[in-house]
């Protein structure tokens, strides 16, 4: 049996494992596009985040690179009065008939 001669402290690493998103890649990309359009409509990430009850950083990360959670989709649909199915399927926002951009 080994005896410790000096004090040592072991700490558990504070790393949270990445959870896989329940959304497919296409659904996540559709939601990201919708979040960027909604940000323009609401005026800022801060205003949109306040209405959704999340931090602006959370929305910015979801709109850029972080996996989109189902909770963000539901909250975005609720504050924008758009069906969740339309956000996930990419049916909203509809592209402009003239230029093809959303």
Protein backbone atom coordinates (compact mmCIF):
# COMPACT_ATOMS: atom_id res chain seq x y z
CA UNK A 1 0.00 0.00 0.00
CA UNK A 2 1.35 3.43 -0.98
CA UNK A 3 1.47 6.24 1.57
CA UNK A 4 1.17 9.83 0.37
CA UNK A 5 3.90 12.00 1.81
CA UNK A 6 2.52 15.28 0.47
CA UNK A 7 -0.97 16.60 -0.01
CA UNK A 8 -2.51 16.03 -3.43
CA UNK A 9 -5.87 17.13 -4.73
CA UNK A 10 -7.63 15.31 -7.52
CA UNK A 11 -10.35 17.14 -9.38
CA UNK A 12 -12.85 15.84 -11.81
CA UNK A 13 -12.61 17.46 -15.21
CA UNK A 14 -15.49 19.86 -15.74
CA UNK A 15 -16.15 18.82 -19.31
CA UNK A 16 -19.68 18.12 -20.43
CA UNK A 17 -20.01 15.54 -23.16
CA UNK A 18 -21.51 16.80 -26.39
CA UNK A 19 -25.06 15.59 -26.79
CA UNK A 20 -26.16 14.67 -30.28
CA UNK A 21 -28.92 16.86 -31.62
CA UNK A 22 -32.27 15.20 -32.25
CA UNK A 23 -32.44 17.17 -35.51
CA UNK A 24 -30.96 16.09 -38.82
CA UNK A 25 -28.32 18.21 -40.55
CA UNK A 26 -30.87 19.53 -43.04
CA UNK A 27 -33.29 20.47 -40.25
CA UNK A 28 -30.52 22.24 -38.35
CA UNK A 29 -29.50 24.22 -41.42
CA UNK A 30 -33.13 25.20 -42.09
CA UNK A 31 -33.50 26.41 -38.50
CA UNK A 32 -30.23 28.35 -38.70
CA UNK A 33 -31.46 30.13 -41.81
CA UNK A 34 -34.77 30.93 -40.11
CA UNK A 35 -32.97 32.24 -36.99
CA UNK A 36 -30.91 34.63 -39.11
CA UNK A 37 -34.05 35.94 -40.84
CA UNK A 38 -35.86 36.30 -37.51
CA UNK A 39 -32.91 38.21 -36.08
CA UNK A 40 -33.33 40.80 -38.83
CA UNK A 41 -37.09 40.97 -38.28
CA UNK A 42 -36.76 41.41 -34.50
CA UNK A 43 -33.96 43.96 -34.92
CA UNK A 44 -31.23 42.29 -32.88
CA UNK A 45 -30.17 39.06 -31.23
CA UNK A 46 -30.75 40.72 -27.87
CA UNK A 47 -34.38 41.58 -28.56
CA UNK A 48 -35.10 38.14 -29.95
CA UNK A 49 -33.34 36.45 -27.02
CA UNK A 50 -35.31 38.52 -24.51
CA UNK A 51 -38.60 37.39 -26.05
CA UNK A 52 -37.45 33.76 -26.13
CA UNK A 53 -36.02 33.80 -22.61
CA UNK A 54 -32.49 32.77 -23.59
CA UNK A 55 -29.18 34.60 -23.84
CA UNK A 56 -28.18 36.37 -27.06
CA UNK A 57 -24.98 34.29 -27.15
CA UNK A 58 -27.04 31.09 -27.22
CA UNK A 59 -28.95 32.29 -30.29
CA UNK A 60 -25.83 33.52 -32.05
CA UNK A 61 -24.07 30.20 -31.50
CA UNK A 62 -27.12 28.24 -32.66
CA UNK A 63 -27.36 30.38 -35.79
CA UNK A 64 -23.70 29.88 -36.62
CA UNK A 65 -22.11 26.61 -35.57
CA UNK A 66 -23.44 25.00 -32.40
CA UNK A 67 -25.98 22.18 -32.78
CA UNK A 68 -29.51 23.56 -32.65
CA UNK A 69 -31.59 22.18 -29.80
CA UNK A 70 -35.24 21.29 -30.09
CA UNK A 71 -35.96 23.85 -27.35
CA UNK A 72 -34.59 26.68 -29.50
CA UNK A 73 -36.78 25.55 -32.40
CA UNK A 74 -39.91 25.50 -30.24
CA UNK A 75 -39.15 28.90 -28.69
CA UNK A 76 -38.40 30.48 -32.08
CA UNK A 77 -41.63 29.11 -33.50
CA UNK A 78 -43.58 30.39 -30.51
CA UNK A 79 -42.30 33.99 -30.56
CA UNK A 80 -42.51 34.27 -34.35
CA UNK A 81 -45.88 32.50 -34.68
CA UNK A 82 -44.51 30.15 -37.32
CA UNK A 83 -45.28 26.41 -37.19
CA UNK A 84 -42.38 24.25 -36.01
CA UNK A 85 -42.82 22.07 -39.08
CA UNK A 86 -42.19 25.05 -41.36
CA UNK A 87 -38.97 25.92 -39.54
CA UNK A 88 -37.69 22.34 -39.67
CA UNK A 89 -38.66 21.65 -43.27
CA UNK A 90 -37.32 24.92 -44.68
CA UNK A 91 -40.77 25.99 -45.90
CA UNK A 92 -40.17 29.26 -44.04
CA UNK A 93 -38.75 31.72 -44.96
CA UNK A 94 -39.89 31.52 -48.54
CA UNK A 95 -37.37 32.71 -51.12
CA UNK A 96 -38.00 35.95 -52.98
CA UNK A 97 -39.59 35.23 -56.39
CA UNK A 98 -37.39 37.86 -58.06
CA UNK A 99 -33.92 37.23 -56.65
CA UNK A 100 -34.34 33.83 -55.00
CA UNK A 101 -32.93 35.03 -51.65
CA UNK A 102 -34.77 34.66 -48.37
